[in-house]
Amino acid sequence: MEKEMIICRCEEVTYGKLVETANTYNCNSRELKLRTRAGMGYCGGRTCRNMVDSIAHSSSERISTEITLKYQPPIRPISFGDLGAVER
């Protein structure tokens, strides 16, 4: 049951898939992201980044600060006018 839990909702990547991939390839976070697409969806990893980092850290012998995923800017840029400017 735990293996079927979806970690990355955007790309529908399960916990089992992440653990299996991390153990098979001894991945760091970036490699795990590239192999499974976890963290590459619409939200840019905002919901699953910590879990992907944690799984990668538990499967490798690296320093935890070397394997964290970076934050991404929003996918769709918006203008300041869309943020609340009053139409004239």
C-alpha atoms as a PDB file:
ATOM      1  CA  MET A   1       0.000   0.000   0.000  1.00  0.00           C
ATOM      2  CA  GLU A   2       2.806   2.423   0.901  1.00  0.00           C
ATOM      3  CA  LYS A   3       4.500   1.823  -2.464  1.00  0.00           C
ATOM      4  CA  GLU A   4       1.394   3.038  -4.299  1.00  0.00           C
ATOM      5  CA  MET A   5       1.273   6.379  -2.479  1.00  0.00           C
ATOM      6  CA  ILE A   6       1.685   9.195  -5.008  1.00  0.00           C
ATOM      7  CA  ILE A   7       4.479  11.570  -4.038  1.00  0.00           C
ATOM      8  CA  CYS A   8       4.535  13.777  -7.146  1.00  0.00           C
ATOM      9  CA  ARG A   9       0.923  14.581  -7.978  1.00  0.00           C
ATOM     10  CA  CYS A  10       1.735  16.481 -11.156  1.00  0.00           C
ATOM     11  CA  GLU A  11       3.641  13.613 -12.775  1.00  0.00           C
ATOM     12  CA  GLU A  12       1.914  10.810 -10.789  1.00  0.00           C
ATOM     13  CA  VAL A  13       5.167   9.325  -9.479  1.00  0.00           C
ATOM     14  CA  THR A  14       4.723   6.859  -6.624  1.00  0.00           C
ATOM     15  CA  TYR A  15       6.800   6.339  -3.519  1.00  0.00           C
ATOM     16  CA  GLY A  16       7.658   2.825  -4.702  1.00  0.00           C
ATOM     17  CA  LYS A  17       8.951   4.081  -8.039  1.00  0.00           C
ATOM     18  CA  LEU A  18      11.136   6.700  -6.347  1.00  0.00           C
ATOM     19  CA  VAL A  19      12.622   4.229  -3.853  1.00  0.00           C
ATOM     20  CA  GLU A  20      13.173   1.570  -6.521  1.00  0.00           C
ATOM     21  CA  THR A  21      14.906   4.047  -8.853  1.00  0.00           C
ATOM     22  CA  ALA A  22      17.020   5.552  -6.060  1.00  0.00           C
ATOM     23  CA  ASN A  23      18.201   2.134  -4.898  1.00  0.00           C
ATOM     24  CA  THR A  24      18.838   0.785  -8.407  1.00  0.00           C
ATOM     25  CA  TYR A  25      20.895   3.742  -9.645  1.00  0.00           C
ATOM     26  CA  ASN A  26      22.194   5.180  -6.319  1.00  0.00           C
ATOM     27  CA  CYS A  27      20.736   8.534  -7.380  1.00  0.00           C
ATOM     28  CA  ASN A  28      21.134  11.960  -5.917  1.00  0.00           C
ATOM     29  CA  SER A  29      18.054  14.213  -5.994  1.00  0.00           C
ATOM     30  CA  ARG A  30      18.723  15.658  -9.419  1.00  0.00           C
ATOM     31  CA  GLU A  31      19.315  12.235 -10.982  1.00  0.00           C
ATOM     32  CA  LEU A  32      16.181  10.881  -9.300  1.00  0.00           C
ATOM     33  CA  LYS A  33      14.194  13.812 -10.660  1.00  0.00           C
ATOM     34  CA  LEU A  34      15.501  13.257 -14.195  1.00  0.00           C
ATOM     35  CA  ARG A  35      14.890   9.492 -14.140  1.00  0.00           C
ATOM     36  CA  THR A  36      11.340   9.662 -12.741  1.00  0.00           C
ATOM     37  CA  ARG A  37      10.145  13.195 -13.658  1.00  0.00           C
ATOM     38  CA  ALA A  38       9.214  13.788  -9.996  1.00  0.00           C
ATOM     39  CA  GLY A  39       9.326  17.528  -9.406  1.00  0.00           C
ATOM     40  CA  MET A  40       9.087  18.396 -13.092  1.00  0.00           C
ATOM     41  CA  GLY A  41       5.357  18.981 -13.243  1.00  0.00           C
ATOM     42  CA  TYR A  42       3.195  22.081 -13.142  1.00  0.00           C
ATOM     43  CA  CYS A  43       4.099  23.027  -9.565  1.00  0.00           C
ATOM     44  CA  GLY A  44       7.848  22.787 -10.184  1.00  0.00           C
ATOM     45  CA  GLY A  45       8.414  20.460  -7.244  1.00  0.00           C
ATOM     46  CA  ARG A  46       6.803  22.606  -4.587  1.00  0.00           C
ATOM     47  CA  THR A  47       4.778  19.694  -3.221  1.00  0.00           C
ATOM     48  CA  CYS A  48       7.224  16.803  -3.599  1.00  0.00           C
ATOM     49  CA  ARG A  49      10.722  18.304  -3.464  1.00  0.00           C
ATOM     50  CA  ASN A  50      11.290  17.499   0.229  1.00  0.00           C
ATOM     51  CA  MET A  51      10.241  13.877  -0.201  1.00  0.00           C
ATOM     52  CA  VAL A  52      12.393  13.402  -3.317  1.00  0.00           C
ATOM     53  CA  ASP A  53      15.361  14.881  -1.423  1.00  0.00           C
ATOM     54  CA  SER A  54      14.685  12.601   1.544  1.00  0.00           C
ATOM     55  CA  ILE A  55      14.452   9.448  -0.583  1.00  0.00           C
ATOM     56  CA  ALA A  56      17.636  10.335  -2.476  1.00  0.00           C
ATOM     57  CA  HIS A  57      19.470  11.084   0.769  1.00  0.00           C
ATOM     58  CA  SER A  58      18.446   7.758   2.318  1.00  0.00           C
ATOM     59  CA  SER A  59      19.711   5.786  -0.696  1.00  0.00           C
ATOM     60  CA  SER A  60      23.093   7.478  -1.123  1.00  0.00           C
ATOM     61  CA  GLU A  61      26.173   8.254   0.934  1.00  0.00           C
ATOM     62  CA  ARG A  62      26.278  11.966   0.073  1.00  0.00           C
ATOM     63  CA  ILE A  63      26.189  15.073   2.220  1.00  0.00           C
ATOM     64  CA  SER A  64      22.565  16.213   2.440  1.00  0.00           C
ATOM     65  CA  THR A  65      23.344  19.751   1.231  1.00  0.00           C
ATOM     66  CA  GLU A  66      24.823  18.370  -2.001  1.00  0.00           C
ATOM     67  CA  ILE A  67      21.674  16.632  -3.117  1.00  0.00           C
ATOM     68  CA  THR A  68      18.856  19.101  -2.530  1.00  0.00           C
ATOM     69  CA  LEU A  69      16.751  20.261  -5.445  1.00  0.00           C
ATOM     70  CA  LYS A  70      16.643  23.956  -6.242  1.00  0.00           C
ATOM     71  CA  TYR A  71      13.565  26.137  -6.259  1.00  0.00           C
ATOM     72  CA  GLN A  72      12.078  27.032  -9.634  1.00  0.00           C
ATOM     73  CA  PRO A  73      10.355  30.279 -10.613  1.00  0.00           C
ATOM     74  CA  PRO A  74       6.659  30.177 -11.531  1.00  0.00           C
ATOM     75  CA  ILE A  75       5.904  28.418 -14.780  1.00  0.00           C
ATOM     76  CA  ARG A  76       3.837  31.213 -16.263  1.00  0.00           C
ATOM     77  CA  PRO A  77       5.095  34.755 -15.726  1.00  0.00           C
ATOM     78  CA  ILE A  78       2.426  37.333 -15.023  1.00  0.00           C
ATOM     79  CA  SER A  79       2.460  41.090 -15.316  1.00  0.00           C
ATOM     80  CA  PHE A  80       2.179  43.444 -12.362  1.00  0.00           C
ATOM     81  CA  GLY A  81      -1.120  44.623 -13.817  1.00  0.00           C
ATOM     82  CA  ASP A  82      -2.557  41.144 -13.344  1.00  0.00           C
ATOM     83  CA  LEU A  83      -1.538  41.205  -9.687  1.00  0.00           C
ATOM     84  CA  GLY A  84      -3.905  43.962  -8.712  1.00  0.00           C
ATOM     85  CA  ALA A  85      -3.528  47.126 -10.736  1.00  0.00           C
ATOM     86  CA  VAL A  86      -6.748  49.005 -11.254  1.00  0.00           C
ATOM     87  CA  GLU A  87      -7.922  49.304 -14.864  1.00  0.00           C
ATOM     88  CA  ARG A  88      -8.193  52.859 -16.149  1.00  0.00           C
END
